[in-house]
Protein backbone atom coordinates (compact mmCIF):
# COMPACT_ATOMS: atom_id res chain seq x y z
CA MET A 1 57.41 10.57 2.64
CA GLY A 2 53.68 10.15 2.55
CA SER A 3 53.40 10.61 6.27
CA ILE A 4 55.42 13.82 6.15
CA TRP A 5 53.42 15.40 3.37
CA SER A 6 50.22 14.39 5.06
CA ARG A 7 51.04 16.76 7.90
CA SER A 8 52.10 19.72 5.77
CA PRO A 9 48.59 20.95 4.85
CA ILE A 10 47.82 21.26 8.56
CA ARG A 11 50.98 23.21 9.55
CA ALA A 12 50.89 25.64 6.68
CA PRO A 13 47.58 27.33 7.69
CA GLN A 14 48.83 27.70 11.31
CA ASN A 15 51.95 29.56 10.24
CA GLN A 16 49.94 31.71 7.91
CA THR A 17 47.48 32.59 10.70
CA ALA A 18 50.33 33.60 13.01
CA LYS A 19 51.75 35.87 10.34
CA GLN A 20 48.36 37.49 9.83
CA THR A 21 47.72 37.91 13.59
CA ALA A 22 51.06 39.59 14.33
CA PRO A 23 50.31 42.77 12.38
CA ARG A 24 46.87 43.06 13.93
CA SER A 25 48.36 42.60 17.45
CA SER A 26 51.06 45.19 16.76
CA ALA A 27 48.55 47.65 15.42
CA HIS A 28 46.37 47.20 18.48
CA ARG A 29 49.36 47.67 20.79
CA LEU A 30 50.45 50.77 18.87
CA ALA A 31 46.96 52.21 19.14
CA GLU A 32 46.96 51.59 22.89
CA LEU A 33 50.36 53.25 23.25
CA GLU A 34 49.26 56.26 21.23
CA LYS A 35 46.14 56.53 23.35
CA GLU A 36 48.22 56.28 26.54
CA SER A 37 50.61 58.88 25.13
CA ARG A 38 47.74 61.31 24.51
CA ARG A 39 46.32 60.64 27.99
CA THR A 40 49.74 61.14 29.58
CA GLU A 41 50.36 64.32 27.61
CA ALA A 42 47.01 65.68 28.76
CA HIS A 43 47.78 64.76 32.37
CA VAL A 44 51.25 66.33 32.18
CA ALA A 45 49.69 69.48 30.74
CA SER A 46 47.14 69.44 33.57
CA LEU A 47 49.90 69.05 36.16
CA LYS A 48 51.86 71.93 34.63
CA LYS A 49 48.74 74.09 34.69
CA ARG A 50 48.14 73.15 38.33
CA GLN A 51 51.75 73.97 39.12
CA ALA A 52 51.39 77.35 37.45
CA ASN A 53 48.14 77.98 39.33
CA LEU A 54 49.82 76.87 42.55
CA THR A 55 52.61 79.38 42.03
CA MET A 56 50.12 82.10 41.10
CA ASN A 57 47.98 81.37 44.18
CA ALA A 58 51.06 81.32 46.42
CA ASP A 59 52.19 84.68 45.00
CA GLU A 60 48.73 86.11 45.63
CA MET A 61 48.73 84.77 49.20
CA VAL A 62 52.15 86.32 49.81
CA ARG A 63 50.90 89.63 48.40
CA GLN A 64 47.84 89.66 50.65
CA VAL A 65 49.84 88.69 53.74
CA ARG A 66 52.39 91.43 53.05
CA GLU A 67 49.53 93.87 52.55
CA ARG A 68 48.08 93.00 55.97
CA TYR A 69 51.45 93.29 57.70
CA GLU A 70 52.11 96.56 55.90
CA GLY A 71 48.81 97.79 57.28
CA LEU A 72 49.94 96.84 60.78
CA ARG A 73 53.28 98.58 60.27
CA LEU A 74 51.57 101.71 58.96
CA ALA A 75 49.25 101.75 61.97
CA LEU A 76 52.22 101.41 64.32
CA ASP A 77 54.22 104.03 62.41
CA TRP A 78 51.27 106.44 62.50
CA ASP A 79 50.75 105.89 66.21
CA GLU A 80 54.48 106.28 66.91
CA GLN A 81 54.59 109.51 64.92
CA ALA A 82 51.54 110.86 66.75
CA VAL A 83 53.01 110.03 70.16
CA LEU A 84 56.41 111.51 69.26
CA GLU A 85 54.75 114.69 67.95
CA ARG A 86 52.79 114.97 71.20
CA LEU A 87 56.00 114.61 73.20
CA GLU A 88 57.75 117.16 70.99
CA GLN A 89 54.83 119.59 71.37
CA GLU A 90 54.94 119.21 75.14
CA HIS A 91 58.68 119.81 75.02
CA ARG A 92 58.25 122.97 72.92
CA GLU A 93 55.52 124.37 75.16
CA SER A 94 57.47 123.69 78.36
CA SER A 95 60.69 124.98 76.83
CA SER A 96 58.94 128.18 75.65
CA ARG A 97 57.50 128.85 79.09
CA LEU A 98 60.84 128.14 80.73
CA THR A 99 62.59 130.45 78.24
CA ARG A 100 60.27 133.31 79.19
CA VAL A 101 60.91 132.68 82.88
CA LEU A 102 64.65 132.51 82.20
CA GLN A 103 64.54 135.84 80.34
CA ASP A 104 62.59 137.43 83.18
CA TRP A 105 65.07 136.24 85.80
CA SER A 106 68.03 137.17 83.59
CA GLN A 107 66.64 140.69 83.36
CA HIS A 108 66.21 140.71 87.13
CA LEU A 109 69.82 139.55 87.52
CA ARG A 110 71.03 142.45 85.35
CA VAL A 111 69.05 144.93 87.48
CA VAL A 112 70.44 143.45 90.69
CA ARG A 113 74.00 143.62 89.39
CA LYS A 114 73.44 147.22 88.21
CA HIS A 115 72.13 148.26 91.62
CA SER A 116 74.94 146.43 93.31
CA GLY A 117 77.47 148.31 91.19
CA THR A 118 75.80 151.63 91.93
CA ILE A 119 75.86 151.03 95.68
CA THR A 120 79.50 149.99 95.50
CA LYS A 121 80.39 153.24 93.78
CA LEU A 122 78.44 155.24 96.36
CA GLN A 123 80.33 153.50 99.12
CA GLU A 124 83.63 154.27 97.45
CA GLY A 125 82.60 157.92 97.05
CA ALA A 126 81.59 158.16 100.71
CA ALA A 127 84.98 156.79 101.71
CA MET A 128 86.60 159.62 99.74
CA GLY A 129 84.44 162.25 101.44
CA GLN A 130 81.89 162.59 98.71
CA GLN A 131 78.40 162.91 100.01
CA GLN A 132 75.27 162.04 97.99
CA GLU A 133 71.82 161.57 99.30
CA VAL A 134 70.43 158.26 98.13
CA LEU A 135 67.47 156.35 99.39
CA ILE A 136 68.30 152.70 99.95
CA GLU A 137 64.71 151.89 99.06
CA ASP A 138 65.49 152.90 95.48
CA PHE A 139 67.71 149.81 95.22
CA SER A 140 65.24 147.35 96.66
CA CYS A 141 64.53 144.75 93.94
CA HIS A 142 63.71 141.48 95.65
CA LYS A 143 61.86 139.16 93.26
CA LYS A 144 59.59 136.44 94.58
CA LEU A 145 59.67 132.93 93.21
CA ASN A 146 56.57 131.87 91.31
CA ALA A 147 55.24 128.42 92.18
CA ASP A 148 53.87 128.05 88.65
CA ASP A 149 57.36 128.59 87.26
CA GLU A 150 58.71 125.81 89.47
CA ALA A 151 56.10 123.45 88.03
CA ILE A 152 57.38 123.81 84.47
CA ARG A 153 58.68 120.38 83.45
CA LEU A 154 57.80 117.47 81.20
CA ASN A 155 54.88 115.40 82.46
CA GLU A 156 56.78 112.46 83.94
CA GLU A 157 53.63 110.80 85.26
CA ARG A 158 52.02 110.87 81.84
CA PHE A 159 55.23 109.54 80.27
CA GLN A 160 55.34 106.58 82.65
CA LYS A 161 51.70 105.81 81.83
CA LEU A 162 52.63 105.86 78.15
CA LEU A 163 55.50 103.44 78.70
CA LYS A 164 53.24 101.15 80.71
CA ALA A 165 50.57 101.23 78.00
CA LEU A 166 53.13 100.52 75.27
CA GLY A 167 54.59 97.67 77.30
CA LYS A 168 51.17 96.11 77.75
CA LEU A 169 50.34 96.64 74.09
CA SER A 170 53.61 95.00 73.06
CA LYS A 171 53.00 92.05 75.35
CA ASP A 172 49.41 91.65 74.18
CA LEU A 173 50.45 91.92 70.54
CA GLU A 174 53.14 89.30 71.00
CA ALA A 175 50.60 87.00 72.66
CA GLN A 176 48.05 87.62 69.91
CA LEU A 177 50.61 86.89 67.20
CA GLN A 178 51.49 83.63 68.92
CA ARG A 179 47.82 82.83 69.37
CA LYS A 180 47.13 83.62 65.72
CA ILE A 181 49.63 80.96 64.63
CA LEU A 182 48.05 78.37 66.92
CA LEU A 183 44.49 79.23 65.92
CA LEU A 184 45.34 78.39 62.32
CA ASP A 185 45.44 74.78 63.55
CA SER A 186 42.47 74.97 65.92
CA THR A 187 40.65 71.66 66.29
CA GLU A 188 37.12 71.04 67.50
CA VAL A 189 37.28 68.72 70.49
CA VAL A 190 34.21 66.75 71.54
CA ILE A 191 34.30 64.76 74.78
CA ASP A 192 33.46 61.07 74.49
CA SER A 193 30.64 60.47 76.97
CA ILE A 194 30.66 56.70 76.41
CA THR A 195 34.18 56.03 77.69
CA SER A 196 34.40 58.78 80.35
CA HIS A 197 34.06 57.88 84.03
CA ARG A 198 30.46 57.19 85.02
CA GLN A 199 30.38 60.21 87.37
CA ILE A 200 31.54 62.60 84.66
CA LYS A 201 28.50 64.21 83.07
CA VAL A 202 29.10 65.47 79.55
CA THR A 203 26.94 68.42 78.44
CA SER A 204 26.71 71.13 75.77
CA GLY A 205 27.08 68.70 72.92
CA GLY A 206 30.29 67.26 74.27
CA ARG A 207 31.92 70.65 74.94
CA SER A 208 31.55 70.71 78.73
CA MET A 209 31.70 68.23 81.61
CA TYR A 210 31.39 68.13 85.38
CA VAL A 211 31.70 65.63 88.22
CA SER A 212 28.36 64.41 89.53
CA PRO A 213 27.92 62.79 92.97
CA LYS A 214 25.95 60.03 91.25
CA GLU A 215 26.92 57.62 88.51
CA CYS A 216 25.09 57.63 85.21
CA SER A 217 22.52 54.91 84.54
CA ALA A 218 23.88 53.92 81.12
CA PRO A 219 25.27 50.40 80.65
CA HIS A 220 28.93 49.81 81.45
CA HIS A 221 31.35 50.00 78.54
CA PRO A 222 34.57 47.95 78.30
CA LEU A 223 36.60 51.08 77.42
CA GLN A 224 35.07 53.21 80.19
CA PHE A 225 37.24 54.55 83.02
CA ASP A 226 35.95 52.83 86.14
CA GLN A 227 38.12 54.32 88.92
CA VAL A 228 40.03 57.38 87.70
CA TYR A 229 37.89 60.45 86.85
CA CYS A 230 39.14 60.66 83.25
CA ALA A 231 37.58 61.57 79.92
CA LEU A 232 38.96 61.49 76.38
CA GLY A 233 38.10 63.29 73.19
CA SER A 234 36.04 61.35 70.70
CA ALA A 235 38.22 61.96 67.62
CA ALA A 236 41.73 60.56 67.24
CA ILE A 237 44.73 62.61 66.12
CA THR A 238 46.78 60.67 63.58
CA ALA A 239 48.41 63.39 61.46
CA GLY A 240 48.97 67.13 61.14
CA GLN A 241 48.95 69.92 63.71
CA HIS A 242 46.16 70.54 66.20
CA TYR A 243 45.39 73.13 68.89
CA TRP A 244 42.59 73.40 71.44
CA GLU A 245 41.93 75.11 74.77
CA ALA A 246 40.20 73.99 77.94
CA SER A 247 38.76 76.32 80.59
CA VAL A 248 39.72 75.01 84.04
CA HIS A 249 39.07 78.02 86.28
CA CYS A 250 36.03 76.30 87.87
CA CYS A 251 38.07 73.29 88.86
CA PRO A 252 40.38 73.38 91.93
CA ALA A 253 42.42 70.37 90.77
CA TRP A 254 42.76 69.05 87.23
CA ALA A 255 44.92 67.49 84.55
CA VAL A 256 44.76 68.29 80.83
CA GLY A 257 46.77 66.49 78.18
CA VAL A 258 46.86 63.83 75.49
CA ALA A 259 46.88 60.04 75.64
CA TYR A 260 47.09 57.00 73.42
CA SER A 261 43.98 54.95 72.96
CA SER A 262 45.82 52.11 74.71
CA LEU A 263 45.77 54.02 78.02
CA HIS A 264 44.37 51.66 80.63
CA ARG A 265 40.80 52.34 81.66
CA LYS A 266 40.38 50.00 84.63
CA GLY A 267 41.74 50.32 88.15
CA ARG A 268 43.55 53.11 89.96
CA ASP A 269 47.16 52.23 89.30
CA LYS A 270 49.56 54.42 87.30
CA SER A 271 48.66 52.82 83.99
CA ALA A 272 45.25 54.57 84.13
CA LYS A 273 46.42 58.00 85.33
CA LEU A 274 47.43 60.80 82.98
CA GLY A 275 51.17 61.42 82.89
CA ARG A 276 52.01 58.47 85.14
CA ASN A 277 52.91 56.21 82.21
CA ARG A 278 54.46 56.24 78.73
CA LEU A 279 51.03 56.40 77.13
CA SER A 280 50.09 59.94 78.18
CA TRP A 281 51.36 63.51 78.63
CA CYS A 282 49.68 66.15 80.78
CA LEU A 283 49.72 69.46 82.61
CA GLU A 284 48.45 69.05 86.16
CA PHE A 285 47.35 71.39 88.94
CA GLN A 286 46.82 69.94 92.39
CA ASP A 287 47.25 71.23 95.96
CA GLY A 288 48.30 74.62 94.61
CA HIS A 289 51.16 73.21 92.54
CA LEU A 290 51.46 73.24 88.75
CA SER A 291 53.49 70.49 87.09
CA ALA A 292 53.99 68.65 83.80
CA TRP A 293 53.96 64.83 83.71
CA HIS A 294 55.03 62.01 81.41
CA ASN A 295 56.28 58.48 82.09
CA ASP A 296 55.64 58.98 85.84
CA ARG A 297 58.15 61.82 85.94
CA HIS A 298 57.34 65.46 86.43
CA VAL A 299 58.78 68.93 86.45
CA ALA A 300 57.46 71.69 88.72
CA LEU A 301 56.29 74.81 86.89
CA SER A 302 55.97 78.39 88.05
CA THR A 303 52.61 80.16 87.93
CA ARG A 304 51.81 83.80 87.21
CA ALA A 305 52.45 86.01 90.20
CA GLY A 306 49.26 86.34 92.20
CA GLN A 307 47.34 84.33 89.61
CA GLY A 308 47.90 80.73 90.66
CA ALA A 309 47.04 78.19 87.98
CA PRO A 310 46.11 79.31 84.46
CA ASN A 311 42.40 79.80 83.83
CA LYS A 312 42.68 78.32 80.36
CA VAL A 313 45.08 75.66 79.15
CA GLY A 314 46.12 75.49 75.50
CA VAL A 315 47.32 72.21 74.02
CA PHE A 316 49.28 72.06 70.75
CA VAL A 317 50.16 68.79 69.02
CA ASN A 318 52.44 68.34 66.01
CA TYR A 319 51.84 64.67 65.34
CA PRO A 320 54.51 64.07 62.64
CA LYS A 321 57.21 65.60 64.86
CA GLY A 322 56.10 63.86 68.04
CA TYR A 323 55.69 67.23 69.75
CA VAL A 324 53.17 68.43 72.33
CA ALA A 325 53.17 71.78 74.16
CA PHE A 326 51.04 73.23 76.94
CA TYR A 327 50.23 76.95 77.12
CA ASP A 328 48.78 79.42 79.55
CA ALA A 329 46.17 80.33 76.94
CA GLU A 330 45.50 83.82 78.35
CA ALA A 331 49.13 84.96 78.55
CA MET A 332 50.10 82.72 75.60
CA LYS A 333 53.09 81.54 77.59
CA VAL A 334 54.58 78.13 76.91
CA LEU A 335 54.42 76.21 80.18
CA GLN A 336 55.97 72.92 79.05
CA GLU A 337 57.05 71.20 75.85
CA PHE A 338 57.47 67.49 75.17
CA SER A 339 59.48 66.31 72.18
CA GLY A 340 62.39 64.14 71.16
CA ALA A 341 64.68 66.98 72.19
CA CYS A 342 63.23 67.53 75.66
CA SER A 343 65.27 67.48 78.84
CA ALA A 344 66.81 64.48 80.55
CA MET A 345 63.89 64.49 82.97
CA PHE A 346 61.81 62.97 80.19
CA GLU A 347 64.54 61.03 78.37
CA ARG A 348 62.07 58.27 77.56
CA ALA A 349 59.72 60.60 75.76
CA HIS A 350 58.88 59.33 72.28
CA HIS A 351 60.66 60.89 69.31
CA GLN A 352 57.53 60.12 67.33
CA PHE A 353 54.01 59.21 68.29
CA THR A 354 53.33 55.55 67.67
CA GLU A 355 49.54 55.42 68.15
CA PRO A 356 46.52 57.64 67.60
CA LEU A 357 46.36 60.42 70.21
CA PHE A 358 43.27 61.66 72.02
CA PRO A 359 42.68 64.86 74.03
CA ALA A 360 42.59 63.79 77.68
CA PHE A 361 41.14 65.32 80.86
CA ARG A 362 41.18 64.30 84.49
CA PHE A 363 39.29 65.48 87.56
CA PHE A 364 40.60 64.74 91.03
CA LYS A 365 38.20 63.46 93.64
CA PRO A 366 36.80 66.43 95.60
CA LYS A 367 38.09 66.62 99.16
CA ASP A 368 34.92 68.27 100.40
CA VAL A 369 31.33 68.86 99.35
CA ARG A 370 31.10 71.79 96.94
CA SER A 371 27.97 73.79 96.15
CA VAL A 372 29.05 73.96 92.51
CA PRO A 373 30.50 70.78 91.00
CA ASP A 374 33.96 70.84 89.47
CA HIS A 375 33.71 71.31 85.74
CA MET A 376 35.79 71.93 82.63
CA ARG A 377 34.80 73.38 79.29
CA ILE A 378 36.26 73.17 75.81
CA CYS A 379 36.73 76.74 74.57
CA GLU A 380 35.26 78.02 71.33
CA LEU A 381 38.13 79.20 69.15
CA SER A 382 37.94 81.56 66.21
CA LEU A 383 40.26 83.98 64.45
């Protein structure tokens, strides 16, 4: 018994302390929960306000866009009305002139018929023995045709010019609308001078490049192209939509496209050439032929009649969808698309991009000495 009671004074204070601590711990936890509740309520209120502002901003954007398109429609409606009124005025003027000519000739026809009837009666009277002196000259009423009257017609030449102008305007407007969509995703491309081939000279702050007969004096870089005349953009594409244009009209043979960073940089085999492997996609012009390449497969493309290769190439990338498209940037014509839904020719094309993409460019070795070196330029884009 003594041993048991000797331990009781020690246990009793411990139990009492636990009972006293529990309320303090609960109160502290309750205070934390109330604080978290207030913080959460404030954040929820902030999110609701942001959602309301988002809706309000979206409504305002829709209003402004509709306003702009309404302005375009009004301009087109006004122009259409003006052109139709001009055509109607021309029709009225020509019709009025022709009506006067018609009245004149109708009057002449009545006179001719009257004279004809008179002469017929005279002939009948002569046959019955009735004699009447009449001068035939009194019935002479020949009317000459007027060349000006023959020229009365609607101006067909002017009408054909109008149709041609409207056709060109429609085509240009369609191209500009397409270009407007792409320019919303315009991306500034800067050429990486460190990894480009040693004979490719990068100028204008990385916006232009040309092939030099001499190699640069900078130290070799492990990621530098050593055989193929290639250059890549300096910034990787890892998300979103991107569009850029390259001027190639001063280059007789070229390739423009995109490539993974894992594209081989050494040697001259297919692993280092744009479009000749699974790591790159490109539009290529060589020996007068335009083609699109990926995975060492290609499809021949038609060029504009009398124009040859495009002067400017547009490249559009939708990274999340694994989609890349090449455009004739002047006509805004899609030349080739690569995606998961592309033709059997490119059945191994990726459904999604698996690595960072880089803008890619390739020169082909000049076949003769040129007074002006082959060069490409990244175009300045603005809405």
